Amino acid sequence: MKKIAISTLLVLAMSVPALAGNATLKKDGKSYALSCDGNGCFISEKISMFKSGPRKRLGAGGADNFRSWKAKLKQQGYS
């Protein structure tokens, strides 16, 4: 029974993409979505609550890169 439970948890853990972070930043009255996962870090303009513009790839993903990009964008005037 324990083996089945452990193997189920491992399968679920491998199927979920690794999210490093998501943030909503504002600049000049517009909202931007910064998102990082295992595929990379991306920024896009939020058009509405459920729709966003084209994503621009910023670089490699990961939690450290997410924090780095968030700090860089805040220095550029995003809040």
Protein backbone atom coordinates (compact mmCIF):
# COMPACT_ATOMS: atom_id res chain seq x y z
CA MET A 1 0.00 0.00 0.00
CA LYS A 2 2.81 2.42 0.86
CA LYS A 3 4.52 1.71 -2.47
CA ILE A 4 1.36 2.59 -4.39
CA ALA A 5 0.92 5.86 -2.49
CA ILE A 6 4.57 6.86 -2.93
CA SER A 7 4.59 6.01 -6.63
CA THR A 8 1.36 7.99 -7.14
CA LEU A 9 2.86 11.03 -5.44
CA LEU A 10 6.02 10.77 -7.53
CA VAL A 11 4.03 10.58 -10.76
CA LEU A 12 2.00 13.64 -9.76
CA ALA A 13 5.12 15.55 -8.75
CA MET A 14 6.78 14.86 -12.10
CA SER A 15 3.72 15.85 -14.14
CA VAL A 16 3.30 19.29 -12.52
CA PRO A 17 5.48 21.97 -14.13
CA ALA A 18 7.88 23.74 -11.82
CA LEU A 19 6.65 27.27 -11.22
CA ALA A 20 9.28 29.67 -10.07
CA GLY A 21 7.00 32.65 -9.64
CA ASN A 22 4.36 34.98 -11.03
CA ALA A 23 3.96 38.68 -10.44
CA THR A 24 1.83 41.54 -11.75
CA LEU A 25 3.76 44.75 -12.26
CA LYS A 26 2.46 48.20 -13.26
CA LYS A 27 4.07 50.97 -15.27
CA ASP A 28 2.57 54.02 -16.99
CA GLY A 29 -0.99 52.91 -16.19
CA LYS A 30 -0.56 49.47 -17.79
CA SER A 31 -0.29 46.10 -16.08
CA TYR A 32 2.34 43.53 -17.00
CA ALA A 33 2.55 39.85 -16.05
CA LEU A 34 5.97 38.44 -15.18
CA SER A 35 5.98 34.64 -15.05
CA CYS A 36 8.82 32.16 -14.69
CA ASP A 37 8.68 28.39 -14.90
CA GLY A 38 10.91 25.56 -16.05
CA ASN A 39 10.76 26.81 -19.66
CA GLY A 40 11.94 30.35 -18.98
CA CYS A 41 10.92 33.80 -17.78
CA PHE A 42 8.34 35.75 -19.77
CA ILE A 43 6.70 39.17 -19.62
CA SER A 44 3.44 40.16 -21.28
CA GLU A 45 1.05 43.09 -21.14
CA LYS A 46 -2.26 42.29 -19.44
CA ILE A 47 -5.15 43.37 -21.65
CA SER A 48 -7.93 42.24 -19.33
CA MET A 49 -8.33 39.93 -16.36
CA PHE A 50 -8.34 36.82 -18.56
CA LYS A 51 -6.41 37.99 -21.63
CA SER A 52 -2.83 39.11 -22.15
CA GLY A 53 -0.74 40.23 -25.08
CA PRO A 54 2.10 38.32 -26.69
CA ARG A 55 4.72 36.94 -24.31
CA LYS A 56 8.31 38.12 -24.62
CA ARG A 57 10.93 35.66 -23.41
CA LEU A 58 13.40 37.26 -21.01
CA GLY A 59 15.71 34.32 -20.34
CA ALA A 60 16.11 31.10 -18.42
CA GLY A 61 13.57 30.11 -15.77
CA GLY A 62 13.92 29.31 -12.10
CA ALA A 63 13.19 30.97 -8.78
CA ASP A 64 16.53 32.83 -8.68
CA ASN A 65 15.99 34.25 -12.17
CA PHE A 66 12.43 35.27 -11.23
CA ARG A 67 13.71 37.28 -8.27
CA SER A 68 16.45 38.77 -10.43
CA TRP A 69 14.04 39.86 -13.19
CA LYS A 70 11.58 41.26 -10.67
CA ALA A 71 14.34 43.38 -9.11
CA LYS A 72 15.57 44.57 -12.53
CA LEU A 73 12.07 45.55 -13.65
CA LYS A 74 11.43 47.43 -10.40
CA GLN A 75 14.64 49.41 -11.01
CA GLN A 76 13.28 50.29 -14.47
CA GLY A 77 10.18 51.89 -12.93
CA TYR A 78 7.75 49.00 -12.64
CA SER A 79 5.90 48.74 -9.35
